Structures are given as C-alpha cells and as structure tokens.
C-alpha cells in the first residue's frame, strides 16, 4: 500500500521513484495508467527532463515493484 501524508484525495495508480546513482532523488505520483505511461515515455525520450535519471522504480497500488532502465538503441 502507498501511504501519503496530508492528502485526502483518490488513491494513486502508482508512484514512480526516479533514481540516480542508486539513490531515489525524485518521485512522480500517477493517478492512471495513462499518466504512468506518459512519464515512462518521457524517461526514454532523449533530452527530456525525466531522461536525466538512470532508473525508474514503479511502485504499483498492489505493492508490485517494477524497475525500468533506459532503452539501448543499437546503431547500424
């Protein structure tokens, strides 16, 4: 379960923890799968703000944890 302090709104779909150097440095609260997919799309977009982080740790509302690293494109 995700616990939020000082907020009495809808439960989030997921929380993305943004890591650099193995340390959680920021987080994004997503209230739908669309919001989550948008943030992860930006994570994989070169030059985007979210692309500066090394890893995205997705904590789902059922406490399932998923980890994404940057996509690696292979040159010709």
Protein backbone atom coordinates (compact mmCIF):
# COMPACT_ATOMS: atom_id res chain seq x y z
CA UNK A 1 0.00 0.00 0.00
CA UNK A 2 1.16 3.53 -0.78
CA UNK A 3 0.78 5.94 2.15
CA UNK A 4 0.51 9.67 1.53
CA UNK A 5 0.58 12.21 4.35
CA UNK A 6 -1.59 15.34 4.22
CA UNK A 7 -3.56 14.34 1.14
CA UNK A 8 -7.16 13.19 1.23
CA UNK A 9 -7.82 12.50 -2.45
CA UNK A 10 -8.06 9.47 -4.69
CA UNK A 11 -5.57 6.65 -4.23
CA UNK A 12 -2.75 6.74 -6.79
CA UNK A 13 -2.41 4.11 -9.50
CA UNK A 14 1.36 4.06 -8.96
CA UNK A 15 4.34 6.07 -7.74
CA UNK A 16 7.48 6.31 -9.84
CA UNK A 17 10.71 6.76 -7.89
CA UNK A 18 13.44 8.30 -10.04
CA UNK A 19 16.94 7.04 -9.23
CA UNK A 20 20.40 8.35 -9.94
CA UNK A 21 23.47 6.63 -8.55
CA UNK A 22 21.25 4.08 -6.80
CA UNK A 23 19.54 6.83 -4.76
CA UNK A 24 15.88 7.85 -5.06
CA UNK A 25 16.10 11.53 -5.99
CA UNK A 26 12.51 12.37 -7.04
CA UNK A 27 9.06 10.84 -7.37
CA UNK A 28 6.01 11.16 -9.59
CA UNK A 29 2.54 10.20 -8.36
CA UNK A 30 0.39 8.75 -11.18
CA UNK A 31 -3.39 8.51 -10.86
CA UNK A 32 -3.91 6.40 -14.00
CA UNK A 33 -2.03 4.02 -16.26
CA UNK A 34 -2.03 6.77 -18.91
CA UNK A 35 -0.14 9.13 -16.57
CA UNK A 36 2.32 6.36 -15.74
CA UNK A 37 2.88 5.53 -19.42
CA UNK A 38 3.39 9.23 -20.26
CA UNK A 39 6.06 9.63 -17.57
CA UNK A 40 7.84 6.44 -18.66
CA UNK A 41 7.69 7.55 -22.30
CA UNK A 42 9.43 10.78 -21.30
CA UNK A 43 12.01 8.75 -19.35
CA UNK A 44 13.00 7.09 -22.64
CA UNK A 45 12.98 10.34 -24.67
CA UNK A 46 16.46 11.77 -25.27
CA UNK A 47 16.76 15.33 -23.92
CA UNK A 48 13.60 15.19 -21.78
CA UNK A 49 13.71 16.20 -18.10
CA UNK A 50 12.93 12.64 -16.95
CA UNK A 51 15.68 11.23 -19.18
CA UNK A 52 18.31 12.59 -16.77
CA UNK A 53 17.51 9.83 -14.28
CA UNK A 54 19.24 6.45 -14.55
CA UNK A 55 16.36 4.28 -13.41
CA UNK A 56 12.59 4.36 -12.85
CA UNK A 57 11.20 2.27 -9.99
CA UNK A 58 7.43 1.86 -10.35
CA UNK A 59 5.55 1.02 -7.14
CA UNK A 60 2.04 -0.11 -8.07
CA UNK A 61 -1.04 0.20 -5.87
CA UNK A 62 -0.81 -3.55 -5.16
CA UNK A 63 2.80 -3.09 -3.90
CA UNK A 64 4.21 -4.72 -7.03
CA UNK A 65 7.55 -3.13 -7.90
CA UNK A 66 8.82 -2.81 -11.48
CA UNK A 67 12.20 -1.39 -12.47
CA UNK A 68 12.98 0.17 -15.83
CA UNK A 69 16.37 1.16 -17.16
CA UNK A 70 16.98 3.26 -20.26
CA UNK A 71 16.31 1.61 -23.58
CA UNK A 72 19.50 0.97 -25.52
CA UNK A 73 19.38 1.60 -29.24
CA UNK A 74 21.77 -0.35 -31.39
CA UNK A 75 23.42 1.57 -34.21
CA UNK A 76 23.84 0.13 -37.71
